[in-house]
């Protein structure tokens, strides 16, 4: 049995999220939550909320024990890219790519 939570179209680049996801993969829920809370990265906000959501799904929908939960899978996929224009000198324009992410966290129970 597994409980998953997904956030779509998060306004943060996938490579920034991947750094924090690598810290919490295969860790118990409590350790993962503490790690995310004390990591000074922009992705920590999204991941804290996502971990809480996955835990709530596990407890309420699948009747899992919170103390036995661990982060079985954690991955990020690139979402749609918003293209913007930055005016430059002499009438030129450079393109700015504002990247988004689809973040998935899966919690499972240890046997």
PDB file of N, CA and C in Angstrom:
ATOM      1  N   UNK A   1       0.850  -1.183   0.000  1.00  0.00           N
ATOM      2  CA  UNK A   1       0.000   0.000   0.000  1.00  0.00           C
ATOM      3  C   UNK A   1       0.893   1.242   0.000  1.00  0.00           C
ATOM      4  N   UNK A   2       0.478   2.226  -0.732  1.00  0.00           N
ATOM      5  CA  UNK A   2       1.250   3.469  -0.801  1.00  0.00           C
ATOM      6  C   UNK A   2       0.312   4.667  -0.821  1.00  0.00           C
ATOM      7  N   UNK A   3       0.825   5.761  -0.317  1.00  0.00           N
ATOM      8  CA  UNK A   3       0.076   7.028  -0.343  1.00  0.00           C
ATOM      9  C   UNK A   3       0.926   8.028  -1.102  1.00  0.00           C
ATOM     10  N   UNK A   4       0.315   8.707  -2.056  1.00  0.00           N
ATOM     11  CA  UNK A   4       1.080   9.665  -2.845  1.00  0.00           C
ATOM     12  C   UNK A   4       0.424  11.027  -2.825  1.00  0.00           C
ATOM     13  N   UNK A   5       1.266  12.032  -3.027  1.00  0.00           N
ATOM     14  CA  UNK A   5       0.779  13.405  -3.144  1.00  0.00           C
ATOM     15  C   UNK A   5       1.563  14.055  -4.277  1.00  0.00           C
ATOM     16  N   UNK A   6       0.868  14.853  -5.075  1.00  0.00           N
ATOM     17  CA  UNK A   6       1.473  15.475  -6.250  1.00  0.00           C
ATOM     18  C   UNK A   6       1.146  16.962  -6.243  1.00  0.00           C
ATOM     19  N   UNK A   7       2.141  17.770  -6.533  1.00  0.00           N
ATOM     20  CA  UNK A   7       1.880  19.194  -6.766  1.00  0.00           C
ATOM     21  C   UNK A   7       2.253  19.469  -8.224  1.00  0.00           C
ATOM     22  N   UNK A   8       1.313  20.069  -8.939  1.00  0.00           N
ATOM     23  CA  UNK A   8       1.529  20.359 -10.355  1.00  0.00           C
ATOM     24  C   UNK A   8       1.748  21.858 -10.533  1.00  0.00           C
ATOM     25  N   UNK A   9       2.512  22.202 -11.524  1.00  0.00           N
ATOM     26  CA  UNK A   9       2.760  23.587 -11.920  1.00  0.00           C
ATOM     27  C   UNK A   9       3.365  24.426 -10.789  1.00  0.00           C
ATOM     28  N   UNK A  10       4.244  23.821  -9.987  1.00  0.00           N
ATOM     29  CA  UNK A  10       4.929  24.583  -8.938  1.00  0.00           C
ATOM     30  C   UNK A  10       5.895  25.550  -9.607  1.00  0.00           C
ATOM     31  N   UNK A  11       5.883  26.798  -9.185  1.00  0.00           N
ATOM     32  CA  UNK A  11       6.688  27.822  -9.854  1.00  0.00           C
ATOM     33  C   UNK A  11       8.124  27.832  -9.344  1.00  0.00           C
ATOM     34  N   UNK A  12       8.814  26.718  -9.589  1.00  0.00           N
ATOM     35  CA  UNK A  12      10.219  26.599  -9.222  1.00  0.00           C
ATOM     36  C   UNK A  12      10.854  25.634 -10.209  1.00  0.00           C
ATOM     37  N   UNK A  13      12.099  25.881 -10.552  1.00  0.00           N
ATOM     38  CA  UNK A  13      12.777  25.044 -11.545  1.00  0.00           C
ATOM     39  C   UNK A  13      13.022  23.639 -10.990  1.00  0.00           C
ATOM     40  N   UNK A  14      12.880  22.606 -11.822  1.00  0.00           N
ATOM     41  CA  UNK A  14      13.061  21.230 -11.353  1.00  0.00           C
ATOM     42  C   UNK A  14      14.443  20.956 -10.761  1.00  0.00           C
ATOM     43  N   UNK A  15      15.490  21.579 -11.291  1.00  0.00           N
ATOM     44  CA  UNK A  15      16.831  21.297 -10.772  1.00  0.00           C
ATOM     45  C   UNK A  15      17.007  21.802  -9.348  1.00  0.00           C
ATOM     46  N   UNK A  16      16.234  22.832  -8.960  1.00  0.00           N
ATOM     47  CA  UNK A  16      16.301  23.342  -7.594  1.00  0.00           C
ATOM     48  C   UNK A  16      15.565  22.412  -6.625  1.00  0.00           C
ATOM     49  N   UNK A  17      14.498  21.797  -7.103  1.00  0.00           N
ATOM     50  CA  UNK A  17      13.725  20.873  -6.276  1.00  0.00           C
ATOM     51  C   UNK A  17      14.499  19.572  -6.066  1.00  0.00           C
ATOM     52  N   UNK A  18      15.191  19.130  -7.103  1.00  0.00           N
ATOM     53  CA  UNK A  18      15.913  17.851  -7.072  1.00  0.00           C
ATOM     54  C   UNK A  18      16.935  17.798  -5.943  1.00  0.00           C
ATOM     55  N   UNK A  19      17.567  18.919  -5.640  1.00  0.00           N
ATOM     56  CA  UNK A  19      18.582  18.983  -4.577  1.00  0.00           C
ATOM     57  C   UNK A  19      17.971  18.584  -3.233  1.00  0.00           C
ATOM     58  N   UNK A  20      16.780  19.091  -2.936  1.00  0.00           N
ATOM     59  CA  UNK A  20      16.141  18.799  -1.651  1.00  0.00           C
ATOM     60  C   UNK A  20      15.530  17.400  -1.658  1.00  0.00           C
ATOM     61  N   UNK A  21      15.004  16.969  -2.799  1.00  0.00           N
ATOM     62  CA  UNK A  21      14.429  15.629  -2.883  1.00  0.00           C
ATOM     63  C   UNK A  21      15.477  14.555  -2.619  1.00  0.00           C
ATOM     64  N   UNK A  22      16.700  14.790  -3.084  1.00  0.00           N
ATOM     65  CA  UNK A  22      17.773  13.827  -2.859  1.00  0.00           C
ATOM     66  C   UNK A  22      18.087  13.679  -1.372  1.00  0.00           C
ATOM     67  N   UNK A  23      17.820  14.721  -0.578  1.00  0.00           N
ATOM     68  CA  UNK A  23      18.079  14.665   0.861  1.00  0.00           C
ATOM     69  C   UNK A  23      17.070  13.789   1.603  1.00  0.00           C
ATOM     70  N   UNK A  24      15.822  13.724   1.111  1.00  0.00           N
ATOM     71  CA  UNK A  24      14.770  13.037   1.868  1.00  0.00           C
ATOM     72  C   UNK A  24      14.407  11.662   1.334  1.00  0.00           C
ATOM     73  N   UNK A  25      14.893  11.285   0.174  1.00  0.00           N
ATOM     74  CA  UNK A  25      14.543   9.990  -0.415  1.00  0.00           C
ATOM     75  C   UNK A  25      14.973   8.842   0.497  1.00  0.00           C
ATOM     76  N   UNK A  26      14.089   7.864   0.719  1.00  0.00           N
ATOM     77  CA  UNK A  26      14.314   6.665   1.549  1.00  0.00           C
ATOM     78  C   UNK A  26      14.514   6.967   3.034  1.00  0.00           C
ATOM     79  N   UNK A  27      14.066   8.108   3.506  1.00  0.00           N
ATOM     80  CA  UNK A  27      14.171   8.457   4.925  1.00  0.00           C
ATOM     81  C   UNK A  27      12.795   8.246   5.590  1.00  0.00           C
ATOM     82  N   UNK A  28      12.783   7.976   6.903  1.00  0.00           N
ATOM     83  CA  UNK A  28      11.500   7.926   7.619  1.00  0.00           C
ATOM     84  C   UNK A  28      10.791   9.285   7.540  1.00  0.00           C
ATOM     85  N   UNK A  29       9.470   9.258   7.674  1.00  0.00           N
ATOM     86  CA  UNK A  29       8.677  10.481   7.513  1.00  0.00           C
ATOM     87  C   UNK A  29       9.131  11.590   8.453  1.00  0.00           C
ATOM     88  N   UNK A  30       9.354  11.249   9.735  1.00  0.00           N
ATOM     89  CA  UNK A  30       9.734  12.273  10.722  1.00  0.00           C
ATOM     90  C   UNK A  30      11.071  12.917  10.372  1.00  0.00           C
ATOM     91  N   UNK A  31      12.034  12.099   9.960  1.00  0.00           N
ATOM     92  CA  UNK A  31      13.364  12.612   9.592  1.00  0.00           C
ATOM     93  C   UNK A  31      13.264  13.482   8.338  1.00  0.00           C
ATOM     94  N   UNK A  32      12.475  13.037   7.360  1.00  0.00           N
ATOM     95  CA  UNK A  32      12.292  13.793   6.120  1.00  0.00           C
ATOM     96  C   UNK A  32      11.654  15.148   6.403  1.00  0.00           C
ATOM     97  N   UNK A  33      10.666  15.160   7.290  1.00  0.00           N
ATOM     98  CA  UNK A  33       9.982  16.403   7.619  1.00  0.00           C
ATOM     99  C   UNK A  33      10.931  17.375   8.324  1.00  0.00           C
ATOM    100  N   UNK A  34      11.723  16.862   9.257  1.00  0.00           N
ATOM    101  CA  UNK A  34      12.688  17.709   9.964  1.00  0.00           C
ATOM    102  C   UNK A  34      13.738  18.254   8.996  1.00  0.00           C
ATOM    103  N   UNK A  35      14.190  17.417   8.068  1.00  0.00           N
ATOM    104  CA  UNK A  35      15.185  17.837   7.079  1.00  0.00           C
ATOM    105  C   UNK A  35      14.649  18.960   6.215  1.00  0.00           C
ATOM    106  N   UNK A  36      13.422  18.807   5.747  1.00  0.00           N
ATOM    107  CA  UNK A  36      12.810  19.819   4.878  1.00  0.00           C
ATOM    108  C   UNK A  36      12.605  21.136   5.637  1.00  0.00           C
ATOM    109  N   UNK A  37      12.186  21.034   6.899  1.00  0.00           N
ATOM    110  CA  UNK A  37      11.938  22.250   7.684  1.00  0.00           C
ATOM    111  C   UNK A  37      13.210  23.060   7.911  1.00  0.00           C
ATOM    112  N   UNK A  38      14.343  22.374   8.041  1.00  0.00           N
ATOM    113  CA  UNK A  38      15.591  23.058   8.377  1.00  0.00           C
ATOM    114  C   UNK A  38      16.538  23.210   7.193  1.00  0.00           C
ATOM    115  N   UNK A  39      16.056  23.001   5.987  1.00  0.00           N
ATOM    116  CA  UNK A  39      16.866  23.199   4.790  1.00  0.00           C
ATOM    117  C   UNK A  39      16.529  24.562   4.197  1.00  0.00           C
ATOM    118  N   UNK A  40      17.509  25.457   4.096  1.00  0.00           N
ATOM    119  CA  UNK A  40      17.220  26.817   3.605  1.00  0.00           C
ATOM    120  C   UNK A  40      17.179  26.900   2.081  1.00  0.00           C
ATOM    121  N   UNK A  41      16.235  26.220   1.473  1.00  0.00           N
ATOM    122  CA  UNK A  41      16.063  26.242   0.017  1.00  0.00           C
ATOM    123  C   UNK A  41      14.626  26.637  -0.296  1.00  0.00           C
ATOM    124  N   UNK A  42      14.421  27.196  -1.478  1.00  0.00           N
ATOM    125  CA  UNK A  42      13.080  27.616  -1.881  1.00  0.00           C
ATOM    126  C   UNK A  42      12.124  26.452  -2.042  1.00  0.00           C
ATOM    127  N   UNK A  43      12.655  25.292  -2.413  1.00  0.00           N
ATOM    128  CA  UNK A  43      11.813  24.119  -2.645  1.00  0.00           C
ATOM    129  C   UNK A  43      11.264  23.542  -1.344  1.00  0.00           C
ATOM    130  N   UNK A  44      11.858  23.908  -0.217  1.00  0.00           N
ATOM    131  CA  UNK A  44      11.450  23.339   1.070  1.00  0.00           C
ATOM    132  C   UNK A  44       9.987  23.645   1.398  1.00  0.00           C
ATOM    133  N   UNK A  45       9.523  24.825   1.014  1.00  0.00           N
ATOM    134  CA  UNK A  45       8.124  25.194   1.256  1.00  0.00           C
ATOM    135  C   UNK A  45       7.169  24.230   0.571  1.00  0.00           C
ATOM    136  N   UNK A  46       7.414  23.992  -0.717  1.00  0.00           N
ATOM    137  CA  UNK A  46       6.573  23.085  -1.493  1.00  0.00           C
ATOM    138  C   UNK A  46       6.627  21.675  -0.904  1.00  0.00           C
ATOM    139  N   UNK A  47       7.827  21.205  -0.552  1.00  0.00           N
ATOM    140  CA  UNK A  47       7.996  19.829  -0.104  1.00  0.00           C
ATOM    141  C   UNK A  47       7.413  19.599   1.292  1.00  0.00           C
ATOM    142  N   UNK A  48       7.474  20.600   2.147  1.00  0.00           N
ATOM    143  CA  UNK A  48       6.879  20.450   3.479  1.00  0.00           C
ATOM    144  C   UNK A  48       5.367  20.242   3.360  1.00  0.00           C
ATOM    145  N   UNK A  49       4.757  21.062   2.536  1.00  0.00           N
ATOM    146  CA  UNK A  49       3.313  20.962   2.326  1.00  0.00           C
ATOM    147  C   UNK A  49       2.954  19.621   1.672  1.00  0.00           C
ATOM    148  N   UNK A  50       3.793  19.187   0.747  1.00  0.00           N
ATOM    149  CA  UNK A  50       3.564  17.940   0.020  1.00  0.00           C
ATOM    150  C   UNK A  50       3.706  16.732   0.939  1.00  0.00           C
ATOM    151  N   UNK A  51       4.701  16.742   1.809  1.00  0.00           N
ATOM    152  CA  UNK A  51       4.890  15.640   2.769  1.00  0.00           C
ATOM    153  C   UNK A  51       3.707  15.547   3.733  1.00  0.00           C
ATOM    154  N   UNK A  52       3.227  16.700   4.208  1.00  0.00           N
ATOM    155  CA  UNK A  52       2.066  16.704   5.104  1.00  0.00           C
ATOM    156  C   UNK A  52       0.841  16.123   4.404  1.00  0.00           C
ATOM    157  N   UNK A  53       0.675  16.479   3.132  1.00  0.00           N
ATOM    158  CA  UNK A  53      -0.457  15.999   2.358  1.00  0.00           C
ATOM    159  C   UNK A  53      -0.380  14.485   2.148  1.00  0.00           C
ATOM    160  N   UNK A  54       0.799  13.987   1.805  1.00  0.00           N
ATOM    161  CA  UNK A  54       0.980  12.546   1.594  1.00  0.00           C
ATOM    162  C   UNK A  54       0.728  11.788   2.890  1.00  0.00           C
ATOM    163  N   UNK A  55       1.176  12.337   4.007  1.00  0.00           N
ATOM    164  CA  UNK A  55       0.967  11.702   5.313  1.00  0.00           C
ATOM    165  C   UNK A  55      -0.527  11.655   5.649  1.00  0.00           C
ATOM    166  N   UNK A  56      -1.219  12.747   5.397  1.00  0.00           N
ATOM    167  CA  UNK A  56      -2.665  12.794   5.644  1.00  0.00           C
ATOM    168  C   UNK A  56      -3.397  11.785   4.764  1.00  0.00           C
ATOM    169  N   UNK A  57      -2.958  11.656   3.503  1.00  0.00           N
ATOM    170  CA  UNK A  57      -3.557  10.664   2.609  1.00  0.00           C
ATOM    171  C   UNK A  57      -3.337   9.254   3.159  1.00  0.00           C
ATOM    172  N   UNK A  58      -2.130   8.993   3.660  1.00  0.00           N
ATOM    173  CA  UNK A  58      -1.801   7.671   4.187  1.00  0.00           C
ATOM    174  C   UNK A  58      -2.664   7.337   5.403  1.00  0.00           C
ATOM    175  N   UNK A  59      -2.806   8.300   6.308  1.00  0.00           N
ATOM    176  CA  UNK A  59      -3.559   8.049   7.538  1.00  0.00           C
ATOM    177  C   UNK A  59      -5.064   7.938   7.276  1.00  0.00           C
ATOM    178  N   UNK A  60      -5.608   8.854   6.495  1.00  0.00           N
ATOM    179  CA  UNK A  60      -7.063   8.920   6.334  1.00  0.00           C
ATOM    180  C   UNK A  60      -7.610   7.980   5.269  1.00  0.00           C
ATOM    181  N   UNK A  61      -6.890   7.837   4.157  1.00  0.00           N
ATOM    182  CA  UNK A  61      -7.423   7.026   3.054  1.00  0.00           C
ATOM    183  C   UNK A  61      -6.998   5.568   3.130  1.00  0.00           C
ATOM    184  N   UNK A  62      -5.786   5.306   3.636  1.00  0.00           N
ATOM    185  CA  UNK A  62      -5.246   3.943   3.608  1.00  0.00           C
ATOM    186  C   UNK A  62      -5.049   3.361   5.000  1.00  0.00           C
ATOM    187  N   UNK A  63      -5.385   4.113   6.061  1.00  0.00           N
ATOM    188  CA  UNK A  63      -5.279   3.660   7.449  1.00  0.00           C
ATOM    189  C   UNK A  63      -3.892   3.123   7.785  1.00  0.00           C
ATOM    190  N   UNK A  64      -2.860   3.863   7.374  1.00  0.00           N
ATOM    191  CA  UNK A  64      -1.481   3.483   7.670  1.00  0.00           C
ATOM    192  C   UNK A  64      -1.043   4.103   8.987  1.00  0.00           C
ATOM    193  N   UNK A  65      -0.028   3.500   9.612  1.00  0.00           N
ATOM    194  CA  UNK A  65       0.527   4.010  10.861  1.00  0.00           C
ATOM    195  C   UNK A  65       1.576   5.064  10.547  1.00  0.00           C
ATOM    196  N   UNK A  66       1.418   6.249  11.119  1.00  0.00           N
ATOM    197  CA  UNK A  66       2.305   7.379  10.823  1.00  0.00           C
ATOM    198  C   UNK A  66       3.760   7.086  11.207  1.00  0.00           C
ATOM    199  N   UNK A  67       3.962   6.322  12.269  1.00  0.00           N
ATOM    200  CA  UNK A  67       5.318   6.057  12.758  1.00  0.00           C
ATOM    201  C   UNK A  67       6.094   5.111  11.839  1.00  0.00           C
ATOM    202  N   UNK A  68       5.395   4.346  11.007  1.00  0.00           N
ATOM    203  CA  UNK A  68       6.059   3.394  10.115  1.00  0.00           C
ATOM    204  C   UNK A  68       6.267   3.932   8.704  1.00  0.00           C
ATOM    205  N   UNK A  69       5.841   5.168   8.437  1.00  0.00           N
ATOM    206  CA  UNK A  69       5.923   5.719   7.082  1.00  0.00           C
ATOM    207  C   UNK A  69       7.350   6.129   6.733  1.00  0.00           C
ATOM    208  N   UNK A  70       7.708   5.927   5.466  1.00  0.00           N
ATOM    209  CA  UNK A  70       8.983   6.423   4.942  1.00  0.00           C
ATOM    210  C   UNK A  70       8.779   6.886   3.511  1.00  0.00           C
ATOM    211  N   UNK A  71       9.688   7.719   3.027  1.00  0.00           N
ATOM    212  CA  UNK A  71       9.590   8.272   1.671  1.00  0.00           C
ATOM    213  C   UNK A  71      10.132   7.227   0.700  1.00  0.00           C
ATOM    214  N   UNK A  72       9.234   6.511   0.043  1.00  0.00           N
ATOM    215  CA  UNK A  72       9.629   5.438  -0.866  1.00  0.00           C
ATOM    216  C   UNK A  72      10.097   6.005  -2.203  1.00  0.00           C
ATOM    217  N   UNK A  73       9.373   6.976  -2.722  1.00  0.00           N
ATOM    218  CA  UNK A  73       9.732   7.604  -3.993  1.00  0.00           C
ATOM    219  C   UNK A  73       9.592   9.111  -3.849  1.00  0.00           C
ATOM    220  N   UNK A  74      10.480   9.819  -4.504  1.00  0.00           N
ATOM    221  CA  UNK A  74      10.390  11.279  -4.550  1.00  0.00           C
ATOM    222  C   UNK A  74      11.053  11.722  -5.843  1.00  0.00           C
ATOM    223  N   UNK A  75      10.267  12.291  -6.728  1.00  0.00           N
ATOM    224  CA  UNK A  75      10.837  12.724  -8.002  1.00  0.00           C
ATOM    225  C   UNK A  75      10.150  13.982  -8.503  1.00  0.00           C
ATOM    226  N   UNK A  76      10.830  14.637  -9.441  1.00  0.00           N
ATOM    227  CA  UNK A  76      10.307  15.872 -10.017  1.00  0.00           C
ATOM    228  C   UNK A  76      10.392  15.770 -11.537  1.00  0.00           C
ATOM    229  N   UNK A  77       9.347  16.234 -12.199  1.00  0.00           N
ATOM    230  CA  UNK A  77       9.313  16.273 -13.659  1.00  0.00           C
ATOM    231  C   UNK A  77       9.114  17.731 -14.081  1.00  0.00           C
ATOM    232  N   UNK A  78       9.695  18.126 -15.206  1.00  0.00           N
ATOM    233  CA  UNK A  78       9.485  19.499 -15.660  1.00  0.00           C
ATOM    234  C   UNK A  78       8.047  19.724 -16.119  1.00  0.00           C
ATOM    235  N   UNK A  79       7.499  20.854 -15.747  1.00  0.00           N
ATOM    236  CA  UNK A  79       6.165  21.234 -16.192  1.00  0.00           C
ATOM    237  C   UNK A  79       6.281  22.172 -17.381  1.00  0.00           C
ATOM    238  N   UNK A  80       5.208  22.845 -17.726  1.00  0.00           N
ATOM    239  CA  UNK A  80       5.262  23.785 -18.835  1.00  0.00           C
ATOM    240  C   UNK A  80       6.178  24.966 -18.520  1.00  0.00           C
ATOM    241  N   UNK A  81       6.798  25.520 -19.553  1.00  0.00           N
ATOM    242  CA  UNK A  81       7.728  26.634 -19.384  1.00  0.00           C
ATOM    243  C   UNK A  81       7.043  27.917 -19.843  1.00  0.00           C
ATOM    244  N   UNK A  82       7.034  28.923 -18.959  1.00  0.00           N
ATOM    245  CA  UNK A  82       6.475  30.218 -19.333  1.00  0.00           C
ATOM    246  C   UNK A  82       7.576  31.037 -19.992  1.00  0.00           C
ATOM    247  N   UNK A  83       7.300  31.540 -21.182  1.00  0.00           N
ATOM    248  CA  UNK A  83       8.307  32.302 -21.916  1.00  0.00           C
ATOM    249  C   UNK A  83       8.019  33.785 -21.768  1.00  0.00           C
ATOM    250  N   UNK A  84       9.011  34.522 -21.307  1.00  0.00           N
ATOM    251  CA  UNK A  84       8.883  35.962 -21.105  1.00  0.00           C
ATOM    252  C   UNK A  84       9.983  36.676 -21.877  1.00  0.00           C
ATOM    253  N   UNK A  85       9.848  37.991 -22.035  1.00  0.00           N
ATOM    254  CA  UNK A  85      10.816  38.768 -22.802  1.00  0.00           C
ATOM    255  C   UNK A  85      11.445  39.820 -21.907  1.00  0.00           C
ATOM    256  N   UNK A  86      12.767  39.917 -21.963  1.00  0.00           N
ATOM    257  CA  UNK A  86      13.510  40.944 -21.213  1.00  0.00           C
ATOM    258  C   UNK A  86      14.082  41.934 -22.222  1.00  0.00           C
ATOM    259  N   UNK A  87      13.665  43.198 -22.164  1.00  0.00           N
ATOM    260  CA  UNK A  87      14.215  44.188 -23.090  1.00  0.00           C
ATOM    261  C   UNK A  87      15.714  44.400 -22.833  1.00  0.00           C
ATOM    262  N   UNK A  88      16.477  44.510 -23.905  1.00  0.00           N
ATOM    263  CA  UNK A  88      17.922  44.724 -23.810  1.00  0.00           C
ATOM    264  C   UNK A  88      18.298  45.974 -24.604  1.00  0.00           C
ATOM    265  N   UNK A  89      19.562  46.251 -24.628  1.00  0.00           N
ATOM    266  CA  UNK A  89      20.042  47.467 -25.292  1.00  0.00           C
ATOM    267  C   UNK A  89      19.804  47.430 -26.804  1.00  0.00           C
ATOM    268  N   UNK A  90      19.689  48.602 -27.392  1.00  0.00           N
ATOM    269  CA  UNK A  90      19.565  48.805 -28.837  1.00  0.00           C
ATOM    270  C   UNK A  90      18.358  48.082 -29.437  1.00  0.00           C
ATOM    271  N   UNK A  91      17.250  48.038 -28.701  1.00  0.00           N
ATOM    272  CA  UNK A  91      16.004  47.496 -29.233  1.00  0.00           C
ATOM    273  C   UNK A  91      15.933  45.982 -29.290  1.00  0.00           C
ATOM    274  N   UNK A  92      16.916  45.313 -28.741  1.00  0.00           N
ATOM    275  CA  UNK A  92      16.886  43.847 -28.755  1.00  0.00           C
ATOM    276  C   UNK A  92      16.021  43.334 -27.609  1.00  0.00           C
ATOM    277  N   UNK A  93      15.711  42.043 -27.685  1.00  0.00           N
ATOM    278  CA  UNK A  93      14.951  41.405 -26.611  1.00  0.00           C
ATOM    279  C   UNK A  93      15.509  40.009 -26.389  1.00  0.00           C
ATOM    280  N   UNK A  94      15.764  39.658 -25.127  1.00  0.00           N
ATOM    281  CA  UNK A  94      16.224  38.319 -24.786  1.00  0.00           C
ATOM    282  C   UNK A  94      15.056  37.565 -24.165  1.00  0.00           C
ATOM    283  N   UNK A  95      15.039  36.250 -24.384  1.00  0.00           N
ATOM    284  CA  UNK A  95      13.973  35.425 -23.839  1.00  0.00           C
ATOM    285  C   UNK A  95      14.341  34.944 -22.442  1.00  0.00           C
ATOM    286  N   UNK A  96      13.354  34.991 -21.549  1.00  0.00           N
ATOM    287  CA  UNK A  96      13.522  34.458 -20.194  1.00  0.00           C
ATOM    288  C   UNK A  96      12.592  33.259 -20.073  1.00  0.00           C
ATOM    289  N   UNK A  97      13.122  32.141 -19.598  1.00  0.00           N
ATOM    290  CA  UNK A  97      12.324  30.928 -19.428  1.00  0.00           C
ATOM    291  C   UNK A  97      12.010  30.742 -17.948  1.00  0.00           C
ATOM    292  N   UNK A  98      10.743  30.827 -17.607  1.00  0.00           N
ATOM    293  CA  UNK A  98      10.323  30.615 -16.216  1.00  0.00           C
ATOM    294  C   UNK A  98       9.799  29.189 -16.121  1.00  0.00           C
ATOM    295  N   UNK A  99      10.606  28.337 -15.503  1.00  0.00           N
ATOM    296  CA  UNK A  99      10.306  26.909 -15.485  1.00  0.00           C
ATOM    297  C   UNK A  99       9.366  26.534 -14.340  1.00  0.00           C
ATOM    298  N   UNK A 100       8.557  25.505 -14.582  1.00  0.00           N
ATOM    299  CA  UNK A 100       7.663  24.983 -13.544  1.00  0.00           C
ATOM    300  C   UNK A 100       7.978  23.505 -13.325  1.00  0.00           C
ATOM    301  N   UNK A 101       7.442  22.955 -12.234  1.00  0.00           N
ATOM    302  CA  UNK A 101       7.743  21.577 -11.854  1.00  0.00           C
ATOM    303  C   UNK A 101       6.470  20.835 -11.472  1.00  0.00           C
ATOM    304  N   UNK A 102       6.480  19.522 -11.705  1.00  0.00           N
ATOM    305  CA  UNK A 102       5.480  18.607 -11.170  1.00  0.00           C
ATOM    306  C   UNK A 102       6.227  17.727 -10.169  1.00  0.00           C
ATOM    307  N   UNK A 103       5.913  17.865  -8.876  1.00  0.00           N
ATOM    308  CA  UNK A 103       6.639  17.148  -7.830  1.00  0.00           C
ATOM    309  C   UNK A 103       5.752  16.037  -7.270  1.00  0.00           C
ATOM    310  N   UNK A 104       6.316  14.829  -7.134  1.00  0.00           N
ATOM    311  CA  UNK A 104       5.582  13.676  -6.611  1.00  0.00           C
ATOM    312  C   UNK A 104       6.328  13.086  -5.431  1.00  0.00           C
ATOM    313  N   UNK A 105       5.590  12.804  -4.352  1.00  0.00           N
ATOM    314  CA  UNK A 105       6.153  12.128  -3.176  1.00  0.00           C
ATOM    315  C   UNK A 105       5.265  10.927  -2.860  1.00  0.00           C
ATOM    316  N   UNK A 106       5.895   9.750  -2.679  1.00  0.00           N
ATOM    317  CA  UNK A 106       5.171   8.521  -2.356  1.00  0.00           C
ATOM    318  C   UNK A 106       5.650   8.018  -1.000  1.00  0.00           C
ATOM    319  N   UNK A 107       4.706   7.802  -0.090  1.00  0.00           N
ATOM    320  CA  UNK A 107       5.021   7.256   1.230  1.00  0.00           C
ATOM    321  C   UNK A 107       4.530   5.810   1.312  1.00  0.00           C
ATOM    322  N   UNK A 108       5.365   4.959   1.889  1.00  0.00           N
ATOM    323  CA  UNK A 108       4.985   3.553   2.125  1.00  0.00           C
ATOM    324  C   UNK A 108       5.229   3.215   3.578  1.00  0.00           C
ATOM    325  N   UNK A 109       4.618   2.091   4.013  1.00  0.00           N
ATOM    326  CA  UNK A 109       4.790   1.625   5.372  1.00  0.00           C
ATOM    327  C   UNK A 109       5.899   0.588   5.425  1.00  0.00           C
ATOM    328  N   UNK A 110       6.770   0.701   6.431  1.00  0.00           N
ATOM    329  CA  UNK A 110       7.811  -0.310   6.626  1.00  0.00           C
ATOM    330  C   UNK A 110       7.176  -1.557   7.233  1.00  0.00           C
ATOM    331  N   UNK A 111       7.661  -2.716   6.802  1.00  0.00           N
ATOM    332  CA  UNK A 111       7.111  -3.967   7.342  1.00  0.00           C
ATOM    333  C   UNK A 111       7.705  -4.269   8.696  1.00  0.00           C
TER     334      UNK A 111
END
